[in-house]
Amino acid sequence: MCDPYEVVGLRWLPAPLALPTVWGAVAVAWKFGCPPARQPGLPMRIATSVVFLTVGTGLVLGLRRGLARESARVRAVAVATQQVLLRPPPSRLDGLALAAGQLSASRGASVGGDLYEAVATPYGVRIVIGDVRGHGLAALGAVVAVLGGFREAAHDEAEPGGVLRRLERALERYLRERARDEHPARAGSEPAHPVAEEFVTLLLVEVRSDGRLPVLDCGHPGPYHLSPAVSRLPVGDPLPPLGVMPLPAALAPYTEARLLPGETLVPYTDGAEEARDHRGRFFALDTAPAGMPGETPAALVRRVHTALLHHTGGRITDDVALLVVRNDRVRVPAQPAEPGLRRPRPAPSSHC
């Protein structure tokens, strides 16, 4: 059975445009090939105008339907990309409750220059959050490089410093490959800093079973700590952002921080605290995480995002990522010694 669209040579056209195009071809053939259509007179002019108006309306409606379908497909691809690239963390991970969310500054984009991930490893739950210079689709390559390096190194490296070193190497490889693509004439050379303007601020945290938080901070804002008051978590002396200069030879994490049962950690990217309203006032991120007792991490993310969009009128100028980690592990109270293990009391003295 033959295809009518193939017969008229319109097989390549999108379905919404095929029928209006056939109508247009018939109208043109009728206008120039039918002798009565060339006769003068008002009735024939009106009939011709009606035919071409109908064809034009069909073309516009068909084009609109085609664009709407294409836009829907693009949105579906963007959502699928976000699910793979910035996949939502599991709601429960080794006794921790987690939630995360991102707001992109690029209109129509679901992903941008912010990154986050949390994975359970034999060494504890390891968390990374970072911010690539710039935002939107141009920063996706660096996001892919850093997240890919973290998802491998988090399971392989016994120390946080080893994980960070692997992330540095992954970013360097990406920058060199991008430099070769942008400057093919320099393909035979390997510049020490191929794209000097590209860098990533990053926070690497390890939540151990006893609540200790070894932290490595590469120029990233320190997270907030809810216990239940909101305070800034100390992270020690910051390291340079990845890509600015080589990391020092010794990478010793800051080990004085704690996340005890019932407490919450809120890492974020600086787009949240740099957001302004129409009067130029900054968003009060230092008080926004405080909420009702028992609030879930997912509800906290939604509440902070809603408050931020309300503050800015929906016009954010930088990507915003927020990660909430609550320690739901049970605190084990100290147990009294068993009776058989108690120390024997000293015998009373026989001296008077």
C-alpha atoms as a PDB file:
ATOM      1  CA  MET A   1       0.000   0.000   0.000  1.00  0.00           C
ATOM      2  CA  CYS A   2       1.477   3.333  -1.035  1.00  0.00           C
ATOM      3  CA  ASP A   3       2.016   6.245   1.309  1.00  0.00           C
ATOM      4  CA  PRO A   4       0.218   9.404   0.058  1.00  0.00           C
ATOM      5  CA  TYR A   5       2.928  11.612   1.572  1.00  0.00           C
ATOM      6  CA  GLU A   6       5.583   9.646  -0.316  1.00  0.00           C
ATOM      7  CA  VAL A   7       3.647  10.009  -3.552  1.00  0.00           C
ATOM      8  CA  VAL A   8       3.706  13.810  -3.373  1.00  0.00           C
ATOM      9  CA  GLY A   9       7.344  13.885  -2.174  1.00  0.00           C
ATOM     10  CA  LEU A  10       6.573  14.957   1.408  1.00  0.00           C
ATOM     11  CA  ARG A  11       7.851  11.904   3.220  1.00  0.00           C
ATOM     12  CA  TRP A  12      10.532  14.002   4.972  1.00  0.00           C
ATOM     13  CA  LEU A  13       8.110  16.527   6.437  1.00  0.00           C
ATOM     14  CA  PRO A  14       7.002  16.389  10.095  1.00  0.00           C
ATOM     15  CA  ALA A  15       3.481  15.000  10.442  1.00  0.00           C
ATOM     16  CA  PRO A  16       1.915  18.314  11.630  1.00  0.00           C
ATOM     17  CA  LEU A  17       3.207  20.100   8.487  1.00  0.00           C
ATOM     18  CA  ALA A  18       2.503  17.443   5.865  1.00  0.00           C
ATOM     19  CA  LEU A  19      -1.247  17.959   5.453  1.00  0.00           C
ATOM     20  CA  PRO A  20      -1.145  21.811   5.379  1.00  0.00           C
ATOM     21  CA  THR A  21       1.640  21.593   2.801  1.00  0.00           C
ATOM     22  CA  VAL A  22      -0.530  19.341   0.621  1.00  0.00           C
ATOM     23  CA  TRP A  23      -3.341  21.856   0.979  1.00  0.00           C
ATOM     24  CA  GLY A  24      -0.983  24.652  -0.048  1.00  0.00           C
ATOM     25  CA  ALA A  25       0.168  22.733  -3.118  1.00  0.00           C
ATOM     26  CA  VAL A  26      -3.444  22.076  -4.148  1.00  0.00           C
ATOM     27  CA  ALA A  27      -4.359  25.751  -3.615  1.00  0.00           C
ATOM     28  CA  VAL A  28      -1.458  26.971  -5.747  1.00  0.00           C
ATOM     29  CA  ALA A  29      -2.273  24.433  -8.462  1.00  0.00           C
ATOM     30  CA  TRP A  30      -5.903  25.518  -8.365  1.00  0.00           C
ATOM     31  CA  LYS A  31      -4.968  29.194  -8.564  1.00  0.00           C
ATOM     32  CA  PHE A  32      -2.579  28.915 -11.485  1.00  0.00           C
ATOM     33  CA  GLY A  33      -3.784  25.759 -13.200  1.00  0.00           C
ATOM     34  CA  CYS A  34      -7.552  26.107 -13.083  1.00  0.00           C
ATOM     35  CA  PRO A  35      -8.982  28.574 -15.675  1.00  0.00           C
ATOM     36  CA  PRO A  36     -12.034  29.571 -13.558  1.00  0.00           C
ATOM     37  CA  ALA A  37      -9.693  30.629 -10.709  1.00  0.00           C
ATOM     38  CA  ARG A  38      -8.093  33.242 -12.991  1.00  0.00           C
ATOM     39  CA  GLN A  39     -11.367  34.858 -13.907  1.00  0.00           C
ATOM     40  CA  PRO A  40     -11.887  38.417 -12.627  1.00  0.00           C
ATOM     41  CA  GLY A  41     -14.655  39.238 -10.246  1.00  0.00           C
ATOM     42  CA  LEU A  42     -15.292  39.712  -6.550  1.00  0.00           C
ATOM     43  CA  PRO A  43     -16.733  36.229  -5.800  1.00  0.00           C
ATOM     44  CA  MET A  44     -13.695  34.484  -7.257  1.00  0.00           C
ATOM     45  CA  ARG A  45     -11.316  36.788  -5.352  1.00  0.00           C
ATOM     46  CA  ILE A  46     -13.144  36.046  -2.119  1.00  0.00           C
ATOM     47  CA  ALA A  47     -12.990  32.296  -2.790  1.00  0.00           C
ATOM     48  CA  THR A  48      -9.258  32.527  -3.550  1.00  0.00           C
ATOM     49  CA  SER A  49      -8.609  34.523  -0.375  1.00  0.00           C
ATOM     50  CA  VAL A  50     -10.554  32.013   1.718  1.00  0.00           C
ATOM     51  CA  VAL A  51      -8.554  29.128   0.271  1.00  0.00           C
ATOM     52  CA  PHE A  52      -5.179  30.770   0.961  1.00  0.00           C
ATOM     53  CA  LEU A  53      -6.261  31.954   4.428  1.00  0.00           C
ATOM     54  CA  THR A  54      -7.289  28.413   5.302  1.00  0.00           C
ATOM     55  CA  VAL A  55      -4.000  27.028   4.042  1.00  0.00           C
ATOM     56  CA  GLY A  56      -2.002  29.686   5.937  1.00  0.00           C
ATOM     57  CA  THR A  57      -3.886  28.989   9.150  1.00  0.00           C
ATOM     58  CA  GLY A  58      -3.248  25.280   8.755  1.00  0.00           C
ATOM     59  CA  LEU A  59       0.456  25.894   8.219  1.00  0.00           C
ATOM     60  CA  VAL A  60       0.708  28.102  11.324  1.00  0.00           C
ATOM     61  CA  LEU A  61      -1.182  25.623  13.506  1.00  0.00           C
ATOM     62  CA  GLY A  62       0.865  22.726  12.185  1.00  0.00           C
ATOM     63  CA  LEU A  63       4.124  24.561  12.828  1.00  0.00           C
ATOM     64  CA  ARG A  64       2.969  25.446  16.331  1.00  0.00           C
ATOM     65  CA  ARG A  65       2.098  21.831  17.095  1.00  0.00           C
ATOM     66  CA  GLY A  66       5.462  20.694  15.753  1.00  0.00           C
ATOM     67  CA  LEU A  67       7.359  23.199  17.901  1.00  0.00           C
ATOM     68  CA  ALA A  68       5.349  22.202  20.973  1.00  0.00           C
ATOM     69  CA  ARG A  69       6.176  18.532  20.419  1.00  0.00           C
ATOM     70  CA  GLU A  70       9.853  19.320  19.877  1.00  0.00           C
ATOM     71  CA  SER A  71       9.935  21.424  23.044  1.00  0.00           C
ATOM     72  CA  ALA A  72       8.369  18.572  25.002  1.00  0.00           C
ATOM     73  CA  ARG A  73      11.012  16.169  23.677  1.00  0.00           C
ATOM     74  CA  VAL A  74      13.801  18.589  24.626  1.00  0.00           C
ATOM     75  CA  ARG A  75      12.403  18.914  28.161  1.00  0.00           C
ATOM     76  CA  ALA A  76      12.207  15.139  28.467  1.00  0.00           C
ATOM     77  CA  VAL A  77      15.855  14.815  27.391  1.00  0.00           C
ATOM     78  CA  ALA A  78      16.869  17.508  29.899  1.00  0.00           C
ATOM     79  CA  VAL A  79      15.074  15.716  32.732  1.00  0.00           C
ATOM     80  CA  ALA A  80      16.692  12.403  31.770  1.00  0.00           C
ATOM     81  CA  THR A  81      20.099  14.108  31.654  1.00  0.00           C
ATOM     82  CA  GLN A  82      19.596  15.540  35.110  1.00  0.00           C
ATOM     83  CA  GLN A  83      18.570  12.143  36.476  1.00  0.00           C
ATOM     84  CA  VAL A  84      21.852  10.675  35.221  1.00  0.00           C
ATOM     85  CA  LEU A  85      24.176  13.590  35.875  1.00  0.00           C
ATOM     86  CA  LEU A  86      22.728  14.990  39.109  1.00  0.00           C
ATOM     87  CA  ARG A  87      20.797  11.985  40.257  1.00  0.00           C
ATOM     88  CA  PRO A  88      18.790  12.560  43.435  1.00  0.00           C
ATOM     89  CA  PRO A  89      20.510  11.032  46.462  1.00  0.00           C
ATOM     90  CA  PRO A  90      18.714   8.154  48.159  1.00  0.00           C
ATOM     91  CA  SER A  91      16.400   9.275  50.941  1.00  0.00           C
ATOM     92  CA  ARG A  92      18.197   6.901  53.345  1.00  0.00           C
ATOM     93  CA  LEU A  93      21.906   6.100  53.277  1.00  0.00           C
ATOM     94  CA  ASP A  94      23.674   4.197  56.053  1.00  0.00           C
ATOM     95  CA  GLY A  95      21.559   5.716  58.829  1.00  0.00           C
ATOM     96  CA  LEU A  96      21.449   9.186  57.287  1.00  0.00           C
ATOM     97  CA  ALA A  97      18.398  10.950  55.813  1.00  0.00           C
ATOM     98  CA  LEU A  98      19.214  12.947  52.666  1.00  0.00           C
ATOM     99  CA  ALA A  99      17.628  15.271  50.139  1.00  0.00           C
ATOM    100  CA  ALA A 100      18.988  17.615  47.484  1.00  0.00           C
ATOM    101  CA  GLY A 101      17.773  20.072  44.891  1.00  0.00           C
ATOM    102  CA  GLN A 102      19.060  22.545  42.329  1.00  0.00           C
ATOM    103  CA  LEU A 103      17.793  25.743  40.707  1.00  0.00           C
ATOM    104  CA  SER A 104      19.410  26.612  37.373  1.00  0.00           C
ATOM    105  CA  ALA A 105      20.004  30.223  36.373  1.00  0.00           C
ATOM    106  CA  SER A 106      19.784  29.324  32.661  1.00  0.00           C
ATOM    107  CA  ARG A 107      16.257  29.619  31.365  1.00  0.00           C
ATOM    108  CA  GLY A 108      14.923  26.256  30.276  1.00  0.00           C
ATOM    109  CA  ALA A 109      17.890  24.314  31.685  1.00  0.00           C
ATOM    110  CA  SER A 110      17.489  21.589  34.278  1.00  0.00           C
ATOM    111  CA  VAL A 111      21.195  21.311  35.013  1.00  0.00           C
ATOM    112  CA  GLY A 112      23.904  23.914  35.390  1.00  0.00           C
ATOM    113  CA  GLY A 113      27.308  24.477  36.909  1.00  0.00           C
ATOM    114  CA  ASP A 114      26.598  23.075  40.385  1.00  0.00           C
ATOM    115  CA  LEU A 115      27.224  19.483  41.412  1.00  0.00           C
ATOM    116  CA  TYR A 116      26.548  17.225  44.373  1.00  0.00           C
ATOM    117  CA  GLU A 117      26.683  13.528  45.215  1.00  0.00           C
ATOM    118  CA  ALA A 118      26.541  11.248  48.262  1.00  0.00           C
ATOM    119  CA  VAL A 119      27.684   7.617  48.292  1.00  0.00           C
ATOM    120  CA  ALA A 120      28.057   4.978  51.000  1.00  0.00           C
ATOM    121  CA  THR A 121      31.551   3.487  51.106  1.00  0.00           C
ATOM    122  CA  PRO A 122      33.479   1.190  53.469  1.00  0.00           C
ATOM    123  CA  TYR A 123      35.040   4.347  54.926  1.00  0.00           C
ATOM    124  CA  GLY A 124      31.786   6.166  55.649  1.00  0.00           C
ATOM    125  CA  VAL A 125      29.236   8.193  53.697  1.00  0.00           C
ATOM    126  CA  ARG A 126      31.180  10.506  51.412  1.00  0.00           C
ATOM    127  CA  ILE A 127      29.597  13.726  50.184  1.00  0.00           C
ATOM    128  CA  VAL A 128      30.787  16.217  47.589  1.00  0.00           C
ATOM    129  CA  ILE A 129      29.254  19.536  46.595  1.00  0.00           C
ATOM    130  CA  GLY A 130      30.852  21.946  44.159  1.00  0.00           C
ATOM    131  CA  ASP A 131      30.403  24.973  41.946  1.00  0.00           C
ATOM    132  CA  VAL A 132      31.964  25.306  38.497  1.00  0.00           C
ATOM    133  CA  ARG A 133      32.904  28.812  37.425  1.00  0.00           C
ATOM    134  CA  GLY A 134      30.009  30.103  35.346  1.00  0.00           C
ATOM    135  CA  HIS A 135      26.628  28.419  35.032  1.00  0.00           C
ATOM    136  CA  GLY A 136      24.369  26.700  32.566  1.00  0.00           C
ATOM    137  CA  LEU A 137      25.247  24.355  29.729  1.00  0.00           C
ATOM    138  CA  ALA A 138      28.804  25.684  29.261  1.00  0.00           C
ATOM    139  CA  ALA A 139      29.801  24.292  32.675  1.00  0.00           C
ATOM    140  CA  LEU A 140      28.432  20.779  32.130  1.00  0.00           C
ATOM    141  CA  GLY A 141      31.743  19.319  30.927  1.00  0.00           C
ATOM    142  CA  ALA A 142      33.537  20.160  34.169  1.00  0.00           C
ATOM    143  CA  VAL A 143      30.566  18.878  36.194  1.00  0.00           C
ATOM    144  CA  VAL A 144      30.711  15.537  34.358  1.00  0.00           C
ATOM    145  CA  ALA A 145      34.482  15.258  34.906  1.00  0.00           C
ATOM    146  CA  VAL A 146      34.355  15.965  38.645  1.00  0.00           C
ATOM    147  CA  LEU A 147      31.304  13.798  39.368  1.00  0.00           C
ATOM    148  CA  GLY A 148      32.687  10.905  37.337  1.00  0.00           C
ATOM    149  CA  GLY A 149      35.976  11.096  39.226  1.00  0.00           C
ATOM    150  CA  PHE A 150      34.209  11.225  42.587  1.00  0.00           C
ATOM    151  CA  ARG A 151      31.932   8.254  41.916  1.00  0.00           C
ATOM    152  CA  GLU A 152      34.988   6.103  41.228  1.00  0.00           C
ATOM    153  CA  ALA A 153      37.455   7.492  43.761  1.00  0.00           C
ATOM    154  CA  ALA A 154      35.015   7.529  46.699  1.00  0.00           C
ATOM    155  CA  HIS A 155      35.026   3.717  46.741  1.00  0.00           C
ATOM    156  CA  ASP A 156      38.702   3.217  45.893  1.00  0.00           C
ATOM    157  CA  GLU A 157      40.567   5.686  48.105  1.00  0.00           C
ATOM    158  CA  ALA A 158      40.916   5.017  51.832  1.00  0.00           C
ATOM    159  CA  GLU A 159      41.601   8.667  52.729  1.00  0.00           C
ATOM    160  CA  PRO A 160      39.696  11.834  51.759  1.00  0.00           C
ATOM    161  CA  GLY A 161      42.947  13.344  50.491  1.00  0.00           C
ATOM    162  CA  GLY A 162      43.256  10.554  47.928  1.00  0.00           C
ATOM    163  CA  VAL A 163      39.709  11.236  46.705  1.00  0.00           C
ATOM    164  CA  LEU A 164      40.445  14.938  46.283  1.00  0.00           C
ATOM    165  CA  ARG A 165      43.661  14.192  44.412  1.00  0.00           C
ATOM    166  CA  ARG A 166      41.723  12.020  41.957  1.00  0.00           C
ATOM    167  CA  LEU A 167      39.179  14.819  41.392  1.00  0.00           C
ATOM    168  CA  GLU A 168      42.005  17.226  40.610  1.00  0.00           C
ATOM    169  CA  ARG A 169      43.438  14.850  38.012  1.00  0.00           C
ATOM    170  CA  ALA A 170      40.006  14.266  36.427  1.00  0.00           C
ATOM    171  CA  LEU A 171      39.441  18.012  36.041  1.00  0.00           C
ATOM    172  CA  GLU A 172      42.932  18.525  34.600  1.00  0.00           C
ATOM    173  CA  ARG A 173      42.325  15.834  31.976  1.00  0.00           C
ATOM    174  CA  TYR A 174      39.035  17.447  30.960  1.00  0.00           C
ATOM    175  CA  LEU A 175      40.606  20.916  30.682  1.00  0.00           C
ATOM    176  CA  ARG A 176      43.488  19.607  28.542  1.00  0.00           C
ATOM    177  CA  GLU A 177      41.096  17.787  26.211  1.00  0.00           C
ATOM    178  CA  ARG A 178      38.953  20.897  25.894  1.00  0.00           C
ATOM    179  CA  ALA A 179      42.030  23.027  25.179  1.00  0.00           C
ATOM    180  CA  ARG A 180      43.070  20.658  22.386  1.00  0.00           C
ATOM    181  CA  ASP A 181      39.561  20.852  20.873  1.00  0.00           C
ATOM    182  CA  GLU A 182      39.499  24.652  21.035  1.00  0.00           C
ATOM    183  CA  HIS A 183      43.103  25.109  19.800  1.00  0.00           C
ATOM    184  CA  PRO A 184      43.898  22.267  17.339  1.00  0.00           C
ATOM    185  CA  ALA A 185      47.158  23.967  16.307  1.00  0.00           C
ATOM    186  CA  ARG A 186      48.533  23.293  19.796  1.00  0.00           C
ATOM    187  CA  ALA A 187      47.670  19.595  19.746  1.00  0.00           C
ATOM    188  CA  GLY A 188      51.311  18.595  20.054  1.00  0.00           C
ATOM    189  CA  SER A 189      51.840  20.585  23.266  1.00  0.00           C
ATOM    190  CA  GLU A 190      50.454  20.087  26.752  1.00  0.00           C
ATOM    191  CA  PRO A 191      50.084  23.449  28.557  1.00  0.00           C
ATOM    192  CA  ALA A 192      50.475  23.370  32.312  1.00  0.00           C
ATOM    193  CA  HIS A 193      47.229  25.316  32.774  1.00  0.00           C
ATOM    194  CA  PRO A 194      45.252  24.793  29.554  1.00  0.00           C
ATOM    195  CA  VAL A 195      42.175  26.813  30.540  1.00  0.00           C
ATOM    196  CA  ALA A 196      43.299  29.099  33.333  1.00  0.00           C
ATOM    197  CA  GLU A 197      39.902  30.757  33.753  1.00  0.00           C
ATOM    198  CA  GLU A 198      38.150  27.477  34.583  1.00  0.00           C
ATOM    199  CA  PHE A 199      38.028  26.313  38.196  1.00  0.00           C
ATOM    200  CA  VAL A 200      35.778  24.472  40.634  1.00  0.00           C
ATOM    201  CA  THR A 201      35.130  25.294  44.271  1.00  0.00           C
ATOM    202  CA  LEU A 202      34.438  22.107  46.156  1.00  0.00           C
ATOM    203  CA  LEU A 203      33.625  20.708  49.596  1.00  0.00           C
ATOM    204  CA  LEU A 204      34.404  17.068  50.409  1.00  0.00           C
ATOM    205  CA  VAL A 205      32.877  15.635  53.612  1.00  0.00           C
ATOM    206  CA  GLU A 206      33.028  12.145  55.102  1.00  0.00           C
ATOM    207  CA  VAL A 207      30.386  11.148  57.675  1.00  0.00           C
ATOM    208  CA  ARG A 208      31.802   8.335  59.775  1.00  0.00           C
ATOM    209  CA  SER A 209      29.878   5.935  61.974  1.00  0.00           C
ATOM    210  CA  ASP A 210      30.848   7.795  65.157  1.00  0.00           C
ATOM    211  CA  GLY A 211      29.685  11.155  63.755  1.00  0.00           C
ATOM    212  CA  ARG A 212      33.131  12.521  62.962  1.00  0.00           C
ATOM    213  CA  LEU A 213      33.298  14.713  59.833  1.00  0.00           C
ATOM    214  CA  PRO A 214      36.687  14.847  58.111  1.00  0.00           C
ATOM    215  CA  VAL A 215      36.400  17.854  55.779  1.00  0.00           C
ATOM    216  CA  LEU A 216      38.458  19.120  52.838  1.00  0.00           C
ATOM    217  CA  ASP A 217      37.447  22.552  51.573  1.00  0.00           C
ATOM    218  CA  CYS A 218      38.661  23.885  48.204  1.00  0.00           C
ATOM    219  CA  GLY A 219      37.490  27.491  48.322  1.00  0.00           C
ATOM    220  CA  HIS A 220      33.865  26.532  48.939  1.00  0.00           C
ATOM    221  CA  PRO A 221      31.513  28.060  51.545  1.00  0.00           C
ATOM    222  CA  GLY A 222      31.323  26.051  54.746  1.00  0.00           C
ATOM    223  CA  PRO A 223      28.033  24.217  55.364  1.00  0.00           C
ATOM    224  CA  TYR A 224      25.449  25.131  57.974  1.00  0.00           C
ATOM    225  CA  HIS A 225      24.974  22.967  61.046  1.00  0.00           C
ATOM    226  CA  LEU A 226      21.557  22.546  62.717  1.00  0.00           C
ATOM    227  CA  SER A 227      21.797  21.281  66.290  1.00  0.00           C
ATOM    228  CA  PRO A 228      19.004  22.639  66.564  1.00  0.00           C
ATOM    229  CA  ALA A 229      20.347  26.224  66.326  1.00  0.00           C
ATOM    230  CA  VAL A 230      21.809  27.223  62.967  1.00  0.00           C
ATOM    231  CA  SER A 231      25.569  27.805  62.945  1.00  0.00           C
ATOM    232  CA  ARG A 232      28.410  27.637  60.462  1.00  0.00           C
ATOM    233  CA  LEU A 233      30.334  24.356  60.574  1.00  0.00           C
ATOM    234  CA  PRO A 234      34.104  24.883  60.914  1.00  0.00           C
ATOM    235  CA  VAL A 235      36.043  23.378  58.005  1.00  0.00           C
ATOM    236  CA  GLY A 236      39.629  24.421  58.759  1.00  0.00           C
ATOM    237  CA  ASP A 237      41.960  26.315  56.444  1.00  0.00           C
ATOM    238  CA  PRO A 238      40.652  26.280  52.861  1.00  0.00           C
ATOM    239  CA  LEU A 239      42.631  24.871  49.951  1.00  0.00           C
ATOM    240  CA  PRO A 240      42.695  26.578  46.533  1.00  0.00           C
ATOM    241  CA  PRO A 241      39.820  25.772  44.154  1.00  0.00           C
ATOM    242  CA  LEU A 242      40.519  22.917  41.760  1.00  0.00           C
ATOM    243  CA  GLY A 243      42.043  24.193  38.537  1.00  0.00           C
ATOM    244  CA  VAL A 244      43.540  27.407  39.936  1.00  0.00           C
ATOM    245  CA  MET A 245      46.846  25.937  41.094  1.00  0.00           C
ATOM    246  CA  PRO A 246      48.131  22.470  42.043  1.00  0.00           C
ATOM    247  CA  LEU A 247      47.036  21.129  45.415  1.00  0.00           C
ATOM    248  CA  PRO A 248      49.702  20.929  48.131  1.00  0.00           C
ATOM    249  CA  ALA A 249      51.599  17.693  48.575  1.00  0.00           C
ATOM    250  CA  ALA A 250      50.026  16.990  51.981  1.00  0.00           C
ATOM    251  CA  LEU A 251      46.230  16.925  52.170  1.00  0.00           C
ATOM    252  CA  ALA A 252      45.214  16.650  55.821  1.00  0.00           C
ATOM    253  CA  PRO A 253      41.450  16.975  56.381  1.00  0.00           C
ATOM    254  CA  TYR A 254      39.982  19.014  59.203  1.00  0.00           C
ATOM    255  CA  THR A 255      38.772  16.466  61.793  1.00  0.00           C
ATOM    256  CA  GLU A 256      37.271  18.541  64.628  1.00  0.00           C
ATOM    257  CA  ALA A 257      33.729  18.731  63.216  1.00  0.00           C
ATOM    258  CA  ARG A 258      30.961  16.388  64.385  1.00  0.00           C
ATOM    259  CA  LEU A 259      27.459  15.438  63.219  1.00  0.00           C
ATOM    260  CA  LEU A 260      25.757  13.817  66.202  1.00  0.00           C
ATOM    261  CA  PRO A 261      22.465  11.885  66.078  1.00  0.00           C
ATOM    262  CA  GLY A 262      19.546  14.244  65.464  1.00  0.00           C
ATOM    263  CA  GLU A 263      21.739  16.972  63.956  1.00  0.00           C
ATOM    264  CA  THR A 264      21.589  18.201  60.339  1.00  0.00           C
ATOM    265  CA  LEU A 265      24.236  19.329  57.867  1.00  0.00           C
ATOM    266  CA  VAL A 266      23.330  21.738  55.021  1.00  0.00           C
ATOM    267  CA  PRO A 267      26.037  22.089  52.323  1.00  0.00           C
ATOM    268  CA  TYR A 268      25.148  24.580  49.563  1.00  0.00           C
ATOM    269  CA  THR A 269      26.592  26.581  46.681  1.00  0.00           C
ATOM    270  CA  ASP A 270      27.183  30.310  46.880  1.00  0.00           C
ATOM    271  CA  GLY A 271      24.336  31.140  44.501  1.00  0.00           C
ATOM    272  CA  ALA A 272      22.018  30.765  47.501  1.00  0.00           C
ATOM    273  CA  GLU A 273      23.661  33.339  49.747  1.00  0.00           C
ATOM    274  CA  GLU A 274      24.426  35.740  46.875  1.00  0.00           C
ATOM    275  CA  ALA A 275      20.817  35.899  45.635  1.00  0.00           C
ATOM    276  CA  ARG A 276      19.328  39.405  45.909  1.00  0.00           C
ATOM    277  CA  ASP A 277      15.890  40.937  45.771  1.00  0.00           C
ATOM    278  CA  HIS A 278      14.893  43.977  43.701  1.00  0.00           C
ATOM    279  CA  ARG A 279      16.319  46.257  46.404  1.00  0.00           C
ATOM    280  CA  GLY A 280      19.726  44.558  46.353  1.00  0.00           C
ATOM    281  CA  ARG A 281      19.301  42.789  49.693  1.00  0.00           C
ATOM    282  CA  PHE A 282      20.936  39.373  50.055  1.00  0.00           C
ATOM    283  CA  PHE A 283      18.938  36.254  50.849  1.00  0.00           C
ATOM    284  CA  ALA A 284      19.147  35.379  54.568  1.00  0.00           C
ATOM    285  CA  LEU A 285      20.508  31.871  54.138  1.00  0.00           C
ATOM    286  CA  ASP A 286      21.971  31.898  57.657  1.00  0.00           C
ATOM    287  CA  THR A 287      18.447  31.765  59.137  1.00  0.00           C
ATOM    288  CA  ALA A 288      16.492  30.043  56.355  1.00  0.00           C
ATOM    289  CA  PRO A 289      17.351  26.417  57.331  1.00  0.00           C
ATOM    290  CA  ALA A 290      15.800  26.825  60.804  1.00  0.00           C
ATOM    291  CA  GLY A 291      12.391  25.153  60.749  1.00  0.00           C
ATOM    292  CA  MET A 292       9.938  23.055  62.689  1.00  0.00           C
ATOM    293  CA  PRO A 293      11.227  20.132  64.778  1.00  0.00           C
ATOM    294  CA  GLY A 294      11.011  16.868  62.875  1.00  0.00           C
ATOM    295  CA  GLU A 295      11.088  18.529  59.435  1.00  0.00           C
ATOM    296  CA  THR A 296      12.320  16.091  56.802  1.00  0.00           C
ATOM    297  CA  PRO A 297      15.343  16.945  54.621  1.00  0.00           C
ATOM    298  CA  ALA A 298      13.132  17.015  51.498  1.00  0.00           C
ATOM    299  CA  ALA A 299      10.733  19.477  53.140  1.00  0.00           C
ATOM    300  CA  LEU A 300      13.660  21.667  54.199  1.00  0.00           C
ATOM    301  CA  VAL A 301      14.986  21.792  50.614  1.00  0.00           C
ATOM    302  CA  ARG A 302      11.555  22.732  49.257  1.00  0.00           C
ATOM    303  CA  ARG A 303      11.039  25.398  51.922  1.00  0.00           C
ATOM    304  CA  VAL A 304      14.426  27.053  51.336  1.00  0.00           C
ATOM    305  CA  HIS A 305      13.998  26.994  47.549  1.00  0.00           C
ATOM    306  CA  THR A 306      10.519  28.506  47.849  1.00  0.00           C
ATOM    307  CA  ALA A 307      11.805  31.252  50.133  1.00  0.00           C
ATOM    308  CA  LEU A 308      14.708  31.976  47.780  1.00  0.00           C
ATOM    309  CA  LEU A 309      12.458  32.246  44.705  1.00  0.00           C
ATOM    310  CA  HIS A 310      10.067  34.486  46.634  1.00  0.00           C
ATOM    311  CA  HIS A 311      12.978  36.691  47.722  1.00  0.00           C
ATOM    312  CA  THR A 312      14.332  37.097  44.176  1.00  0.00           C
ATOM    313  CA  GLY A 313      10.983  37.237  42.422  1.00  0.00           C
ATOM    314  CA  GLY A 314      11.947  34.099  40.526  1.00  0.00           C
ATOM    315  CA  ARG A 315      14.971  35.800  38.924  1.00  0.00           C
ATOM    316  CA  ILE A 316      18.087  33.998  40.151  1.00  0.00           C
ATOM    317  CA  THR A 317      21.375  34.992  38.528  1.00  0.00           C
ATOM    318  CA  ASP A 318      23.491  31.996  39.563  1.00  0.00           C
ATOM    319  CA  ASP A 319      22.854  28.282  39.934  1.00  0.00           C
ATOM    320  CA  VAL A 320      21.771  27.177  43.403  1.00  0.00           C
ATOM    321  CA  ALA A 321      22.339  23.704  44.847  1.00  0.00           C
ATOM    322  CA  LEU A 322      21.290  22.595  48.311  1.00  0.00           C
ATOM    323  CA  LEU A 323      22.023  19.289  50.054  1.00  0.00           C
ATOM    324  CA  VAL A 324      20.541  18.313  53.427  1.00  0.00           C
ATOM    325  CA  VAL A 325      21.977  15.459  55.535  1.00  0.00           C
ATOM    326  CA  ARG A 326      20.393  14.495  58.854  1.00  0.00           C
ATOM    327  CA  ASN A 327      22.006  11.983  61.192  1.00  0.00           C
ATOM    328  CA  ASP A 328      19.243   9.527  62.116  1.00  0.00           C
ATOM    329  CA  ARG A 329      21.555   7.044  63.745  1.00  0.00           C
ATOM    330  CA  VAL A 330      20.618   6.019  67.265  1.00  0.00           C
ATOM    331  CA  ARG A 331      22.842   7.245  70.029  1.00  0.00           C
ATOM    332  CA  VAL A 332      23.884   4.219  72.116  1.00  0.00           C
ATOM    333  CA  PRO A 333      23.986   5.109  75.823  1.00  0.00           C
ATOM    334  CA  ALA A 334      26.903   3.978  77.937  1.00  0.00           C
ATOM    335  CA  GLN A 335      26.162   0.633  79.536  1.00  0.00           C
ATOM    336  CA  PRO A 336      27.003  -0.070  83.233  1.00  0.00           C
ATOM    337  CA  ALA A 337      29.546  -2.756  83.879  1.00  0.00           C
ATOM    338  CA  GLU A 338      28.203  -6.255  84.526  1.00  0.00           C
ATOM    339  CA  PRO A 339      28.126  -7.344  88.204  1.00  0.00           C
ATOM    340  CA  GLY A 340      30.691 -10.065  87.674  1.00  0.00           C
ATOM    341  CA  LEU A 341      33.112  -7.535  86.188  1.00  0.00           C
ATOM    342  CA  ARG A 342      32.949  -4.997  88.995  1.00  0.00           C
ATOM    343  CA  ARG A 343      36.136  -4.316  90.846  1.00  0.00           C
ATOM    344  CA  PRO A 344      36.268  -5.986  94.268  1.00  0.00           C
ATOM    345  CA  ARG A 345      36.117  -3.544  97.135  1.00  0.00           C
ATOM    346  CA  PRO A 346      39.308  -3.347  99.207  1.00  0.00           C
ATOM    347  CA  ALA A 347      39.162  -5.296 102.464  1.00  0.00           C
ATOM    348  CA  PRO A 348      38.631  -3.119 105.556  1.00  0.00           C
ATOM    349  CA  SER A 349      41.765  -2.307 107.472  1.00  0.00           C
ATOM    350  CA  SER A 350      42.337  -4.218 110.753  1.00  0.00           C
ATOM    351  CA  HIS A 351      44.204  -1.317 112.289  1.00  0.00           C
ATOM    352  CA  CYS A 352      42.451   0.697 114.909  1.00  0.00           C
END
